[in-house]
Amino acid sequence: FTAGVRVGTTQFENHMFIGNGYVTPYKYNGSAFTRHGVPQASSSGMTGAVSGGGSITTDTYYYKVAFVNAQAAIGDVSTATTAFAISSASGTVNLTAIPVAPTSHGVGSRRIYRANTTTAASFGLLATLADNTTTTYSDTGAVTPTVAAPTDNGEPPKYNVICYHQGRLFCNDLTNPGYVWYSEINEPYTFASTNFRKRHDFELNAHHTHASGRLRTYDS
């Protein structure tokens, strides 16, 4: 909090969501402050090596990582790692330097997704690391990825006006005055890149739910 800077708040799912429009917004669950959204992981430092002894079939493999917060909300996946080529039918990919989320985001686990040249861009869930500390994982080929990786689970904008309405959070965006952003239904932690509407040509300074059940917005 900064003296003289307006703060917008609302409540949903036993959390208070708080933003002043200038820093990444927060949420509070009664005992701890953590960031509102789930950040996108970065695979820039993630490396690995191929070894024998596993059962991965001959192909070229790629991996992505996503952070998961304590409410089981999944953030955007990272970009793909460099390629790992398996030249025999008994390989293992040993991943290292798996990204760890900043403590302030309240991330409790991470998901690893895998694709190969056969599945092309279709990344499937390979494993869940049930902590925010482990930085290694060995893909022996024992698991066949199934659940598809998320494609658009972004973070909320830096807001100072926010309200709850019919299972979603609605907020402003000081970077784009006049825009109203909204969360996924019954999932207040992620905001898709298409979840916005331009309502005014001026900066929004208030939202509220009218007695009619409609959401109303006001500009300056």
Protein backbone atom coordinates (compact mmCIF):
# COMPACT_ATOMS: atom_id res chain seq x y z
CA PHE A 1 0.00 0.00 0.00
CA THR A 2 1.14 3.53 -0.78
CA ALA A 3 -0.11 6.63 1.05
CA GLY A 4 -2.51 8.59 -1.13
CA VAL A 5 -2.90 5.83 -3.75
CA ARG A 6 -6.39 4.45 -4.23
CA VAL A 7 -6.96 0.72 -3.58
CA GLY A 8 -9.79 -1.35 -5.07
CA THR A 9 -11.01 -4.47 -3.27
CA THR A 10 -13.62 -7.20 -3.57
CA GLN A 11 -14.28 -10.63 -2.08
CA PHE A 12 -14.77 -14.04 -3.70
CA GLU A 13 -13.95 -17.65 -2.78
CA ASN A 14 -12.86 -16.71 0.76
CA HIS A 15 -10.30 -14.22 -0.54
CA MET A 16 -10.08 -10.47 -0.64
CA PHE A 17 -8.58 -9.22 -3.92
CA ILE A 18 -6.65 -5.96 -3.69
CA GLY A 19 -5.05 -3.69 -6.30
CA ASN A 20 -3.82 -0.11 -6.53
CA GLY A 21 -3.31 -0.01 -10.31
CA TYR A 22 0.47 0.34 -10.19
CA VAL A 23 1.81 -2.98 -8.91
CA THR A 24 0.81 -6.60 -9.43
CA PRO A 25 -2.43 -7.05 -7.43
CA TYR A 26 -2.70 -9.24 -4.36
CA LYS A 27 -5.16 -11.57 -2.66
CA TYR A 28 -5.60 -12.18 1.07
CA ASN A 29 -7.07 -15.34 2.63
CA GLY A 30 -7.14 -14.18 6.24
CA SER A 31 -3.60 -15.25 7.02
CA ALA A 32 -1.34 -14.52 4.05
CA PHE A 33 -0.99 -12.04 1.19
CA THR A 34 -0.07 -13.57 -2.17
CA ARG A 35 -0.28 -12.28 -5.73
CA HIS A 36 -3.71 -12.34 -7.35
CA GLY A 37 -2.84 -14.26 -10.50
CA VAL A 38 -0.65 -17.18 -11.47
CA PRO A 39 2.50 -16.13 -13.37
CA GLN A 40 3.67 -17.75 -16.56
CA ALA A 41 6.64 -20.05 -16.02
CA SER A 42 9.85 -19.49 -17.95
CA SER A 43 11.75 -22.38 -19.49
CA SER A 44 14.72 -20.23 -20.51
CA GLY A 45 17.08 -21.88 -18.02
CA MET A 46 15.54 -25.35 -18.12
CA THR A 47 17.95 -27.96 -19.43
CA GLY A 48 18.35 -31.72 -19.46
CA ALA A 49 20.16 -34.70 -20.87
CA VAL A 50 19.23 -37.93 -22.60
CA SER A 51 20.28 -41.25 -21.11
CA GLY A 52 19.43 -44.90 -21.50
CA GLY A 53 17.41 -47.21 -19.30
CA GLY A 54 13.93 -45.86 -19.95
CA SER A 55 11.19 -46.73 -22.37
CA ILE A 56 10.69 -43.52 -24.36
CA THR A 57 10.35 -44.39 -28.02
CA THR A 58 12.50 -42.97 -30.77
CA ASP A 59 11.45 -39.37 -31.45
CA THR A 60 12.28 -35.77 -30.57
CA TYR A 61 10.68 -34.42 -27.39
CA TYR A 62 9.87 -30.97 -25.99
CA TYR A 63 8.65 -29.87 -22.54
CA LYS A 64 6.70 -27.00 -21.02
CA VAL A 65 5.99 -26.05 -17.39
CA ALA A 66 3.04 -24.34 -15.70
CA PHE A 67 2.70 -23.01 -12.17
CA VAL A 68 -0.34 -23.99 -10.05
CA ASN A 69 -1.46 -21.93 -7.05
CA ALA A 70 -2.92 -23.20 -3.77
CA GLN A 71 -6.43 -22.93 -5.24
CA ALA A 72 -5.48 -25.34 -8.09
CA ALA A 73 -5.58 -22.54 -10.69
CA ILE A 74 -3.09 -23.18 -13.50
CA GLY A 75 -1.12 -20.36 -15.08
CA ASP A 76 0.03 -20.04 -18.67
CA VAL A 77 2.55 -22.65 -19.76
CA SER A 78 6.12 -21.69 -20.55
CA THR A 79 7.57 -21.72 -24.00
CA ALA A 80 8.93 -25.09 -25.09
CA THR A 81 12.38 -26.30 -24.11
CA THR A 82 15.02 -27.11 -26.64
CA ALA A 83 14.66 -30.46 -28.38
CA PHE A 84 15.68 -33.75 -26.78
CA ALA A 85 16.29 -36.48 -29.37
CA ILE A 86 15.81 -40.14 -28.44
CA SER A 87 17.64 -42.35 -30.91
CA SER A 88 16.65 -45.73 -29.43
CA ALA A 89 13.54 -47.27 -27.89
CA SER A 90 14.98 -47.31 -24.38
CA GLY A 91 15.66 -43.69 -23.55
CA THR A 92 15.13 -41.32 -20.62
CA VAL A 93 15.08 -37.51 -20.57
CA ASN A 94 16.49 -36.09 -17.34
CA LEU A 95 15.20 -32.54 -16.89
CA THR A 96 17.06 -30.06 -14.70
CA ALA A 97 16.63 -26.42 -13.65
CA ILE A 98 12.83 -26.75 -13.73
CA PRO A 99 11.52 -23.23 -12.99
CA VAL A 100 10.43 -22.28 -9.48
CA ALA A 101 7.81 -19.57 -8.90
CA PRO A 102 8.42 -16.51 -6.70
CA THR A 103 7.19 -17.19 -3.16
CA SER A 104 4.90 -14.16 -3.32
CA HIS A 105 2.61 -15.88 -5.86
CA GLY A 106 1.51 -18.69 -3.53
CA VAL A 107 2.38 -21.45 -6.00
CA GLY A 108 2.08 -24.89 -4.40
CA SER A 109 2.84 -27.17 -7.35
CA ARG A 110 3.99 -27.23 -10.97
CA ARG A 111 2.93 -29.22 -14.01
CA ILE A 112 5.22 -30.60 -16.68
CA TYR A 113 3.81 -31.08 -20.19
CA ARG A 114 5.38 -33.01 -23.05
CA ALA A 115 5.05 -33.14 -26.83
CA ASN A 116 7.05 -34.75 -29.61
CA THR A 117 7.35 -34.36 -33.34
CA THR A 118 4.49 -36.84 -33.77
CA THR A 119 2.04 -34.89 -31.58
CA ALA A 120 3.40 -31.58 -32.92
CA ALA A 121 2.09 -28.67 -30.82
CA SER A 122 -0.20 -30.85 -28.67
CA PHE A 123 1.41 -30.80 -25.23
CA GLY A 124 -0.05 -33.23 -22.68
CA LEU A 125 0.31 -33.45 -18.91
CA LEU A 126 3.29 -35.64 -18.04
CA ALA A 127 3.74 -35.05 -14.31
CA THR A 128 2.84 -32.84 -11.36
CA LEU A 129 5.54 -31.74 -8.95
CA ALA A 130 3.68 -31.30 -5.67
CA ASP A 131 5.92 -28.50 -4.39
CA ASN A 132 7.65 -25.31 -5.48
CA THR A 133 11.19 -26.47 -4.80
CA THR A 134 12.04 -29.57 -6.86
CA THR A 135 14.12 -28.70 -9.92
CA THR A 136 14.71 -32.13 -11.51
CA TYR A 137 12.51 -34.77 -13.15
CA SER A 138 13.30 -37.93 -15.11
CA ASP A 139 10.93 -38.79 -17.93
CA THR A 140 11.40 -42.53 -18.38
CA GLY A 141 8.46 -42.98 -20.71
CA ALA A 142 6.34 -44.72 -18.10
CA VAL A 143 3.61 -42.06 -18.39
CA THR A 144 1.62 -41.26 -21.53
CA PRO A 145 0.62 -37.55 -21.47
CA THR A 146 -3.13 -37.05 -21.72
CA VAL A 147 -4.59 -33.81 -20.29
CA ALA A 148 -3.93 -30.94 -22.70
CA ALA A 149 -1.89 -27.96 -21.58
CA PRO A 150 -3.81 -24.70 -21.02
CA THR A 151 -3.51 -22.15 -23.79
CA ASP A 152 -4.68 -18.82 -22.34
CA ASN A 153 -4.55 -18.56 -18.54
CA GLY A 154 -3.17 -15.07 -18.12
CA GLU A 155 -2.82 -12.84 -15.09
CA PRO A 156 -5.21 -9.98 -14.26
CA PRO A 157 -4.18 -6.44 -15.22
CA LYS A 158 -2.97 -3.90 -12.67
CA TYR A 159 -6.33 -2.64 -11.44
CA ASN A 160 -7.63 -0.24 -8.80
CA VAL A 161 -11.33 -0.93 -9.43
CA ILE A 162 -12.67 -4.47 -9.04
CA CYS A 163 -15.97 -6.16 -8.19
CA TYR A 164 -17.61 -9.57 -8.09
CA HIS A 165 -20.57 -10.32 -10.36
CA GLN A 166 -22.23 -13.66 -11.17
CA GLY A 167 -19.21 -15.91 -10.67
CA ARG A 168 -16.60 -13.59 -12.18
CA LEU A 169 -14.34 -10.75 -11.14
CA PHE A 170 -14.52 -7.57 -13.22
CA CYS A 171 -11.77 -4.98 -13.07
CA ASN A 172 -10.31 -1.96 -14.82
CA ASP A 173 -6.86 -1.60 -16.37
CA LEU A 174 -4.91 1.62 -15.92
CA THR A 175 -2.73 0.71 -18.90
CA ASN A 176 -5.83 0.62 -21.12
CA PRO A 177 -8.32 3.16 -19.69
CA GLY A 178 -11.93 2.35 -20.49
CA TYR A 179 -11.39 -1.41 -20.69
CA VAL A 180 -13.18 -3.87 -18.40
CA TRP A 181 -11.45 -7.21 -17.89
CA TYR A 182 -13.14 -10.28 -16.42
CA SER A 183 -11.98 -13.59 -14.98
CA GLU A 184 -13.02 -17.06 -16.01
CA ILE A 185 -16.37 -18.24 -14.58
CA ASN A 186 -15.98 -19.39 -10.96
CA GLU A 187 -12.19 -19.08 -11.34
CA PRO A 188 -11.04 -15.63 -10.22
CA TYR A 189 -7.30 -16.20 -10.63
CA THR A 190 -6.84 -16.31 -14.42
CA PHE A 191 -7.87 -13.84 -17.12
CA ALA A 192 -7.82 -14.94 -20.77
CA SER A 193 -6.32 -12.47 -23.23
CA THR A 194 -9.74 -12.13 -24.89
CA ASN A 195 -11.68 -11.52 -21.65
CA PHE A 196 -12.20 -7.78 -21.96
CA ARG A 197 -14.65 -5.22 -23.29
CA LYS A 198 -14.11 -1.55 -24.07
CA ARG A 199 -16.88 0.27 -22.28
CA HIS A 200 -15.80 3.92 -22.28
CA ASP A 201 -13.30 6.32 -23.82
CA PHE A 202 -12.36 7.52 -20.36
CA GLU A 203 -10.76 5.93 -17.33
CA LEU A 204 -13.16 3.72 -15.38
CA ASN A 205 -13.43 4.55 -11.72
CA ALA A 206 -16.26 2.35 -10.48
CA HIS A 207 -18.16 -0.90 -11.08
CA HIS A 208 -21.10 -2.17 -9.11
CA THR A 209 -23.88 -4.73 -9.37
CA HIS A 210 -27.27 -3.04 -9.78
CA ALA A 211 -30.43 -4.33 -8.09
CA SER A 212 -31.54 -5.54 -11.52
CA GLY A 213 -28.64 -8.02 -11.49
CA ARG A 214 -26.70 -6.12 -14.16
CA LEU A 215 -23.13 -4.89 -13.87
CA ARG A 216 -22.76 -1.13 -14.22
CA THR A 217 -19.55 0.79 -14.90
CA TYR A 218 -18.75 4.48 -14.44
CA ASP A 219 -16.03 6.64 -15.93
CA SER A 220 -14.29 9.74 -14.68
